[in-house]
Amino acid sequence: MREFQIPYPGDDPVANNRKKWMNSEFTPRKLREISDDDIVSLLGHRKPGTAYSSVHPPLDEMKEAADPIKELVVPTDGAKAGDRIRYIQFADSMHFAPLPPWMRFRMYGARLRGFDSLAYSGRTLLEMRERDLDETAKFLVETEIFDASRVAMRSVTVHGFSLRLDEDGLMFDARRRYVFNKETGEVEYVKTQRATPLDRRISVGKPLPEDELKTLTTRYHTALTSPRDADELIKVVKRVGELRVLGGLRPDLVDGR
């Protein structure tokens, strides 16, 4: 993928973190190692070792009408093979998760190809061809994008991102997909993202210390960087809001603004 940087206003710690995640050249730290089979198990779409299902023949075997756009856009491996569309969904805690849903959505746009995504108040859905999803999910879970205590894989019953953390610092999960192992200090999944019980526990590593999470956050907070201190950002947001209203109601007043 070519170098891509989404511009963002401001020069405070939060704004700089946001710029970092919207830069396709930024390489996040790898914090844990999770096997390919464990990723497939956590997703819950198929059993490890089984073949990918397809919805159409491989592109090389299909006869299609000439289309100049298809000559410009290189298909992903999953699209070439005709894989079906599958998904992963993350819930991000309001308590200093690295990325809130809307920021995760923008990060996907700066880094990924061949995907569809939707951001809600506390969760972000990501859909891709299945073999592309396996590769992307591994990247998203192994790096600092994911924190074992403040980010969770949940495709159903996602509530809990805005609730108080439990005694072990974990997000509330009504389906109890993961537990904290007090002996190892690691978070272990006992169910898939779809809340189907796993044959064995899968560790996703140790949670990051609270102080480190605060340095990674992309959310303004009065206890850290107050949004009231983000002068440049506030100025841009006000301008966007003003132009949006004028453009819809009095476009003649937009000139020169």
Protein backbone atom coordinates (compact mmCIF):
# COMPACT_ATOMS: atom_id res chain seq x y z
CA MET A 1 0.00 0.00 0.00
CA ARG A 2 1.27 3.45 -0.85
CA GLU A 3 2.21 5.93 1.86
CA PHE A 4 -0.89 7.64 3.15
CA GLN A 5 -1.33 10.29 5.85
CA ILE A 6 -4.68 11.74 6.86
CA PRO A 7 -4.07 15.33 8.06
CA TYR A 8 -5.17 16.19 11.58
CA PRO A 9 -5.08 19.51 13.50
CA GLY A 10 -3.25 20.09 16.77
CA ASP A 11 0.09 19.36 18.42
CA ASP A 12 -0.85 17.94 21.84
CA PRO A 13 -0.22 14.30 22.90
CA VAL A 14 -3.70 13.12 21.85
CA ALA A 15 -3.58 14.86 18.46
CA ASN A 16 -0.11 13.43 17.80
CA ASN A 17 -1.35 9.92 18.66
CA ARG A 18 -4.23 10.39 16.24
CA LYS A 19 -1.86 11.49 13.49
CA LYS A 20 0.26 8.43 14.15
CA TRP A 21 -2.61 5.99 13.67
CA MET A 22 -3.78 7.71 10.50
CA ASN A 23 -0.34 7.34 8.92
CA SER A 24 -0.07 4.16 6.85
CA GLU A 25 3.72 4.16 7.33
CA PHE A 26 3.52 3.94 11.13
CA THR A 27 4.36 0.44 12.40
CA PRO A 28 2.68 -0.39 15.73
CA ARG A 29 4.60 -2.40 18.32
CA LYS A 30 4.04 -6.12 18.38
CA LEU A 31 3.17 -7.09 21.97
CA ARG A 32 2.17 -10.74 21.70
CA GLU A 33 2.38 -13.83 19.51
CA ILE A 34 -0.83 -15.66 18.64
CA SER A 35 -0.83 -18.64 16.29
CA ASP A 36 -2.81 -18.66 13.06
CA ASP A 37 -4.96 -21.51 14.37
CA ASP A 38 -5.77 -19.56 17.55
CA ILE A 39 -6.84 -16.55 15.48
CA VAL A 40 -9.14 -18.76 13.42
CA SER A 41 -10.56 -20.27 16.63
CA LEU A 42 -11.22 -16.83 18.16
CA LEU A 43 -13.00 -15.65 15.02
CA GLY A 44 -15.22 -18.73 15.10
CA HIS A 45 -16.10 -18.82 11.39
CA ARG A 46 -14.50 -22.17 10.63
CA LYS A 47 -12.37 -24.81 12.31
CA PRO A 48 -8.56 -24.48 12.11
CA GLY A 49 -7.09 -26.42 9.22
CA THR A 50 -10.27 -26.52 7.15
CA ALA A 51 -10.41 -25.04 3.64
CA TYR A 52 -11.79 -21.60 2.88
CA SER A 53 -15.32 -21.55 1.48
CA SER A 54 -15.93 -19.57 -1.70
CA VAL A 55 -18.81 -17.60 -3.17
CA HIS A 56 -17.50 -17.51 -6.73
CA PRO A 57 -14.75 -19.18 -8.79
CA PRO A 58 -11.21 -17.75 -8.65
CA LEU A 59 -10.95 -14.56 -10.68
CA ASP A 60 -8.47 -16.20 -13.06
CA GLU A 61 -11.15 -18.70 -14.06
CA MET A 62 -13.94 -16.20 -14.60
CA LYS A 63 -14.79 -14.61 -17.93
CA GLU A 64 -15.89 -11.04 -17.40
CA ALA A 65 -16.54 -8.07 -19.62
CA ALA A 66 -13.67 -5.65 -20.12
CA ASP A 67 -13.54 -3.06 -17.35
CA PRO A 68 -10.74 -0.45 -17.07
CA ILE A 69 -11.29 -0.14 -13.30
CA LYS A 70 -10.39 -3.81 -12.83
CA GLU A 71 -7.08 -3.10 -14.55
CA LEU A 72 -6.34 -0.34 -12.04
CA VAL A 73 -7.39 -2.06 -8.80
CA VAL A 74 -5.30 -5.06 -7.74
CA PRO A 75 -7.56 -7.63 -6.02
CA THR A 76 -6.67 -8.96 -2.59
CA ASP A 77 -5.72 -12.61 -2.16
CA GLY A 78 -9.16 -13.37 -0.79
CA ALA A 79 -10.89 -11.71 -3.74
CA LYS A 80 -8.66 -13.58 -6.19
CA ALA A 81 -9.66 -16.88 -4.61
CA GLY A 82 -13.36 -16.05 -4.37
CA ASP A 83 -13.53 -16.28 -0.55
CA ARG A 84 -16.74 -15.56 1.28
CA ILE A 85 -17.07 -12.38 3.38
CA ARG A 86 -16.45 -12.78 7.11
CA TYR A 87 -16.06 -10.36 10.03
CA ILE A 88 -14.43 -9.42 13.29
CA GLN A 89 -15.84 -6.89 15.72
CA PHE A 90 -13.96 -5.09 18.48
CA ALA A 91 -15.35 -3.35 21.55
CA ASP A 92 -13.12 -0.56 22.87
CA SER A 93 -13.45 0.58 26.48
CA MET A 94 -13.93 4.24 27.30
CA HIS A 95 -11.30 3.72 30.03
CA PHE A 96 -8.21 4.51 27.95
CA ALA A 97 -8.46 1.89 25.22
CA PRO A 98 -5.86 2.76 22.54
CA LEU A 99 -8.50 3.61 19.92
CA PRO A 100 -12.16 4.61 20.29
CA PRO A 101 -14.45 3.15 17.59
CA TRP A 102 -14.47 6.18 15.30
CA MET A 103 -10.66 6.38 15.44
CA ARG A 104 -10.34 2.65 14.75
CA PHE A 105 -12.61 3.17 11.72
CA ARG A 106 -10.31 5.88 10.36
CA MET A 107 -7.24 3.77 11.05
CA TYR A 108 -8.75 0.97 8.96
CA GLY A 109 -9.24 3.42 6.10
CA ALA A 110 -5.59 4.48 6.19
CA ARG A 111 -4.18 0.92 6.36
CA LEU A 112 -6.50 -1.70 4.88
CA ARG A 113 -7.74 -2.70 1.43
CA GLY A 114 -10.83 -4.61 0.35
CA PHE A 115 -12.88 -4.06 3.51
CA ASP A 116 -16.16 -2.71 4.77
CA SER A 117 -16.50 -1.24 8.24
CA LEU A 118 -19.03 0.42 10.49
CA ALA A 119 -18.35 2.30 13.74
CA TYR A 120 -20.88 2.42 16.56
CA SER A 121 -20.62 4.14 19.94
CA GLY A 122 -18.55 1.35 21.48
CA ARG A 123 -17.72 -1.17 18.79
CA THR A 124 -16.38 -1.36 15.26
CA LEU A 125 -17.34 -3.98 12.70
CA LEU A 126 -14.81 -5.06 10.07
CA GLU A 127 -15.78 -7.24 7.08
CA MET A 128 -13.31 -8.72 4.58
CA ARG A 129 -12.71 -11.78 2.42
CA GLU A 130 -11.98 -14.60 4.79
CA ARG A 131 -8.27 -15.19 4.20
CA ASP A 132 -7.69 -11.44 4.19
CA LEU A 133 -9.56 -11.22 7.50
CA ASP A 134 -7.42 -13.93 9.10
CA GLU A 135 -4.26 -11.99 8.25
CA THR A 136 -5.70 -8.64 9.33
CA ALA A 137 -7.13 -10.00 12.59
CA LYS A 138 -3.72 -11.37 13.52
CA PHE A 139 -2.18 -7.94 12.98
CA LEU A 140 -4.93 -6.18 14.96
CA VAL A 141 -4.70 -8.56 17.95
CA GLU A 142 -0.92 -8.99 18.17
CA THR A 143 -0.01 -5.29 18.16
CA GLU A 144 -0.58 -2.36 20.51
CA ILE A 145 -3.90 -1.67 18.74
CA PHE A 146 -5.23 -4.36 21.06
CA ASP A 147 -5.02 -4.30 24.86
CA ALA A 148 -6.06 -7.47 26.64
CA SER A 149 -8.06 -5.61 29.30
CA ARG A 150 -9.57 -2.64 27.42
CA VAL A 151 -10.26 -4.15 23.96
CA ALA A 152 -12.36 -7.23 23.29
CA MET A 153 -13.50 -9.37 20.36
CA ARG A 154 -17.29 -9.44 20.52
CA SER A 155 -19.65 -10.09 17.62
CA VAL A 156 -22.75 -10.40 19.83
CA THR A 157 -23.78 -8.84 23.15
CA VAL A 158 -21.12 -6.16 22.92
CA HIS A 159 -22.34 -4.02 25.82
CA GLY A 160 -19.93 -3.04 28.57
CA PHE A 161 -17.51 -0.60 26.94
CA SER A 162 -18.74 2.32 29.08
CA LEU A 163 -19.19 0.43 32.35
CA ARG A 164 -16.80 0.34 35.29
CA LEU A 165 -13.93 -2.11 35.02
CA ASP A 166 -14.02 -5.22 37.18
CA GLU A 167 -11.61 -5.98 40.03
CA ASP A 168 -9.01 -7.25 37.55
CA GLY A 169 -9.28 -4.18 35.32
CA LEU A 170 -11.24 -5.97 32.59
CA MET A 171 -14.23 -4.70 30.64
CA PHE A 172 -17.60 -6.15 31.62
CA ASP A 173 -18.74 -8.91 29.27
CA ALA A 174 -22.22 -10.39 29.73
CA ARG A 175 -21.15 -13.46 27.73
CA ARG A 176 -17.96 -13.97 29.80
CA ARG A 177 -15.79 -14.66 26.78
CA TYR A 178 -12.53 -14.13 28.68
CA VAL A 179 -11.11 -14.47 32.17
CA PHE A 180 -8.09 -13.13 34.01
CA ASN A 181 -5.55 -15.79 35.00
CA LYS A 182 -4.20 -14.56 38.32
CA GLU A 183 -1.26 -16.97 38.24
CA THR A 184 0.12 -15.83 34.86
CA GLY A 185 -1.30 -12.29 34.81
CA GLU A 186 -2.69 -12.96 31.33
CA VAL A 187 -6.17 -12.64 29.85
CA GLU A 188 -7.48 -15.89 28.40
CA TYR A 189 -10.42 -16.34 26.03
CA VAL A 190 -12.71 -19.25 26.85
CA LYS A 191 -15.21 -18.44 24.08
CA THR A 192 -15.06 -17.20 20.50
CA GLN A 193 -16.11 -13.69 19.55
CA ARG A 194 -19.54 -15.24 18.91
CA ALA A 195 -19.62 -16.55 22.53
CA THR A 196 -19.26 -20.19 21.48
CA PRO A 197 -17.19 -22.17 24.03
CA LEU A 198 -13.64 -23.01 22.94
CA ASP A 199 -12.03 -26.43 23.32
CA ARG A 200 -9.20 -24.83 25.28
CA ARG A 201 -8.23 -21.44 26.64
CA ILE A 202 -6.41 -19.03 24.34
CA SER A 203 -4.16 -16.42 25.95
CA VAL A 204 -4.01 -12.91 24.49
CA GLY A 205 -1.26 -11.76 26.83
CA LYS A 206 -0.96 -9.37 29.75
CA PRO A 207 -2.80 -6.04 29.94
CA LEU A 208 -0.69 -2.93 29.59
CA PRO A 209 -0.07 -0.84 32.73
CA GLU A 210 -2.54 1.99 33.26
CA ASP A 211 0.15 4.67 32.85
CA GLU A 212 1.18 3.26 29.48
CA LEU A 213 -2.44 3.10 28.29
CA LYS A 214 -2.78 6.79 29.11
CA THR A 215 0.19 7.64 26.91
CA LEU A 216 -1.33 5.66 24.01
CA THR A 217 -4.87 6.98 24.22
CA THR A 218 -6.41 8.92 21.34
CA ARG A 219 -9.28 10.19 23.48
CA TYR A 220 -9.28 13.63 25.11
CA HIS A 221 -9.88 13.42 28.85
CA THR A 222 -9.98 16.07 31.56
CA ALA A 223 -7.59 13.95 33.66
CA LEU A 224 -4.99 13.99 30.87
CA THR A 225 -5.25 16.33 27.89
CA SER A 226 -8.45 18.34 28.21
CA PRO A 227 -10.44 18.94 25.03
CA ARG A 228 -10.71 22.58 26.08
CA ASP A 229 -6.95 22.88 25.54
CA ALA A 230 -7.13 21.59 21.95
CA ASP A 231 -7.40 25.08 20.47
CA GLU A 232 -6.58 24.20 16.86
CA LEU A 233 -8.93 21.22 16.85
CA ILE A 234 -11.80 23.24 18.32
CA LYS A 235 -11.23 25.93 15.69
CA VAL A 236 -11.41 23.37 12.87
CA VAL A 237 -14.50 21.66 14.31
CA LYS A 238 -16.30 25.00 14.66
CA ARG A 239 -15.41 25.92 11.07
CA VAL A 240 -16.66 22.58 9.75
CA GLY A 241 -19.90 22.97 11.68
CA GLU A 242 -20.43 26.52 10.44
CA LEU A 243 -19.76 25.66 6.80
CA ARG A 244 -22.00 22.62 7.01
CA VAL A 245 -24.96 24.73 8.14
CA LEU A 246 -24.30 27.52 5.68
CA GLY A 247 -23.76 25.10 2.81
CA GLY A 248 -27.17 23.57 3.41
CA LEU A 249 -29.17 26.70 4.18
CA ARG A 250 -27.30 29.71 2.74
CA PRO A 251 -24.62 28.53 0.28
CA ASP A 252 -24.25 32.11 -0.93
CA LEU A 253 -22.60 32.95 2.40
CA VAL A 254 -19.91 30.25 2.07
CA ASP A 255 -17.76 32.26 -0.36
CA GLY A 256 -14.59 33.54 1.25
CA ARG A 257 -14.94 31.43 4.41
